[in-house]
Amino acid sequence: QVQLVASGGGLVQPGGSLRLSCAASGGIFSRYTMGWYRRAPGKSREFVANIVSGDIRNYKDSVKGRFTISRDNTKNTVYLQMNSLEPEDTAAYLCNAFDPTDGNDYWGQGTQVTVSS
């Protein structure tokens, strides 16, 4: 069973930066597609970014150029560097691991990001 622990959220002013981390345990991290999703109050969960095992990255259009996803397979950790944050980025950010060998999805707990002056 894969366990994911996300951290790094907080309160930041518009234009500020945060770096989220998600540490994985209990699986073969290097083969997973790792992703970040978010859920804003009153809205459904939405895709933010992911990175596949071959280092291919995908982003939601509204975060391109501002967010960067990366992974460190030696630390079983995925990161989301968020720059130029906007109030619309306020949400609970959720870490996801997808195992392409069996189709299993794993979710961590959310870490709250609040962008406000």
Protein backbone atom coordinates (compact mmCIF):
# COMPACT_ATOMS: atom_id res chain seq x y z
CA GLN A 1 0.00 0.00 0.00
CA VAL A 2 1.37 3.37 -1.04
CA GLN A 3 1.21 6.20 1.46
CA LEU A 4 1.60 9.82 0.46
CA VAL A 5 2.27 12.68 2.86
CA ALA A 6 1.98 16.21 1.50
CA SER A 7 3.40 19.30 3.14
CA GLY A 8 4.46 22.86 2.43
CA GLY A 9 1.16 24.69 2.22
CA GLY A 10 0.46 27.96 3.95
CA LEU A 11 -0.70 31.54 3.67
CA VAL A 12 1.06 33.70 1.10
CA GLN A 13 0.44 37.09 -0.45
CA PRO A 14 -0.40 37.44 -4.15
CA GLY A 15 2.77 37.22 -6.19
CA GLY A 16 4.46 35.06 -3.59
CA SER A 17 5.86 31.55 -3.80
CA LEU A 18 5.48 28.22 -2.06
CA ARG A 19 6.99 24.80 -2.57
CA LEU A 20 4.87 21.76 -1.87
CA SER A 21 6.37 18.36 -1.16
CA CYS A 22 4.85 14.91 -1.23
CA ALA A 23 6.78 12.00 0.24
CA ALA A 24 5.81 8.49 -0.81
CA SER A 25 6.37 5.20 0.94
CA GLY A 26 5.35 1.59 0.47
CA GLY A 27 5.70 1.27 -3.27
CA ILE A 28 8.00 1.57 -6.26
CA PHE A 29 8.11 5.33 -6.56
CA SER A 30 10.17 5.52 -9.74
CA ARG A 31 7.50 3.84 -11.88
CA TYR A 32 4.58 6.00 -10.73
CA THR A 33 3.13 8.99 -12.48
CA MET A 34 3.07 11.57 -9.71
CA GLY A 35 0.59 14.40 -9.77
CA TRP A 36 -0.85 17.35 -7.95
CA TYR A 37 -4.53 18.18 -7.93
CA ARG A 38 -6.44 20.84 -6.06
CA ARG A 39 -9.89 21.44 -4.69
CA ALA A 40 -11.11 24.95 -4.03
CA PRO A 41 -14.09 25.60 -1.75
CA GLY A 42 -17.33 24.84 -3.56
CA LYS A 43 -15.52 23.44 -6.60
CA SER A 44 -14.65 19.99 -7.83
CA ARG A 45 -11.16 18.58 -7.79
CA GLU A 46 -9.01 19.65 -10.72
CA PHE A 47 -5.73 18.58 -12.25
CA VAL A 48 -2.76 20.87 -11.67
CA ALA A 49 0.33 19.04 -12.89
CA ASN A 50 1.91 15.64 -13.23
CA ILE A 51 5.25 14.08 -14.01
CA VAL A 52 5.62 10.63 -15.46
CA SER A 53 8.48 8.25 -14.76
CA GLY A 54 10.29 9.39 -17.87
CA ASP A 55 10.33 12.99 -16.66
CA ILE A 56 7.55 14.15 -18.97
CA ARG A 57 5.58 16.99 -17.38
CA ASN A 58 2.03 18.15 -17.94
CA TYR A 59 0.36 21.28 -16.56
CA LYS A 60 -3.03 22.88 -16.28
CA ASP A 61 -3.04 25.81 -18.68
CA SER A 62 -3.56 28.44 -16.00
CA VAL A 63 -0.41 27.40 -14.08
CA LYS A 64 1.96 27.03 -17.03
CA GLY A 65 4.96 29.29 -16.59
CA ARG A 66 4.24 29.75 -12.89
CA PHE A 67 4.33 26.23 -11.44
CA THR A 68 7.03 23.60 -11.85
CA ILE A 69 6.67 19.96 -10.91
CA SER A 70 9.74 17.85 -10.22
CA ARG A 71 10.62 14.57 -8.61
CA ASP A 72 13.54 13.07 -6.74
CA ASN A 73 13.42 9.30 -7.08
CA THR A 74 16.22 8.91 -4.52
CA LYS A 75 14.00 10.56 -1.91
CA ASN A 76 10.67 9.18 -3.17
CA THR A 77 9.40 12.74 -3.24
CA VAL A 78 7.59 14.94 -5.71
CA TYR A 79 7.62 18.73 -5.51
CA LEU A 80 5.48 21.54 -6.81
CA GLN A 81 7.21 24.90 -6.97
CA MET A 82 4.55 27.58 -7.20
CA ASN A 83 5.54 31.12 -8.15
CA SER A 84 3.52 34.24 -8.90
CA LEU A 85 0.66 32.89 -6.85
CA GLU A 86 -2.79 34.31 -7.41
CA PRO A 87 -5.88 34.30 -5.17
CA GLU A 88 -7.43 31.86 -7.65
CA ASP A 89 -4.76 29.33 -6.66
CA THR A 90 -6.27 29.08 -3.19
CA ALA A 91 -7.21 25.45 -2.61
CA ALA A 92 -6.36 22.24 -0.84
CA TYR A 93 -3.57 20.65 -2.89
CA LEU A 94 -3.66 16.88 -3.13
CA CYS A 95 -0.83 14.55 -4.06
CA ASN A 96 -1.55 11.59 -6.33
CA ALA A 97 0.39 8.52 -7.42
CA PHE A 98 -0.74 6.49 -10.40
CA ASP A 99 0.73 3.05 -11.02
CA PRO A 100 0.55 2.36 -14.77
CA THR A 101 1.31 -1.33 -14.27
CA ASP A 102 -1.96 -2.07 -12.47
CA GLY A 103 -4.00 1.14 -12.79
CA ASN A 104 -4.09 1.81 -9.06
CA ASP A 105 -4.48 5.37 -7.83
CA TYR A 106 -3.24 6.57 -4.47
CA TRP A 107 -4.05 9.84 -2.73
CA GLY A 108 -2.44 11.75 0.06
CA GLN A 109 -4.08 14.19 2.42
CA GLY A 110 -4.38 17.76 1.25
CA THR A 111 -2.14 20.65 2.15
CA GLN A 112 -3.89 24.00 2.22
CA VAL A 113 -2.63 26.89 0.12
CA THR A 114 -4.21 30.28 0.74
CA VAL A 115 -3.25 33.26 -1.39
CA SER A 116 -4.50 36.46 0.15
CA SER A 117 -3.36 39.94 1.05
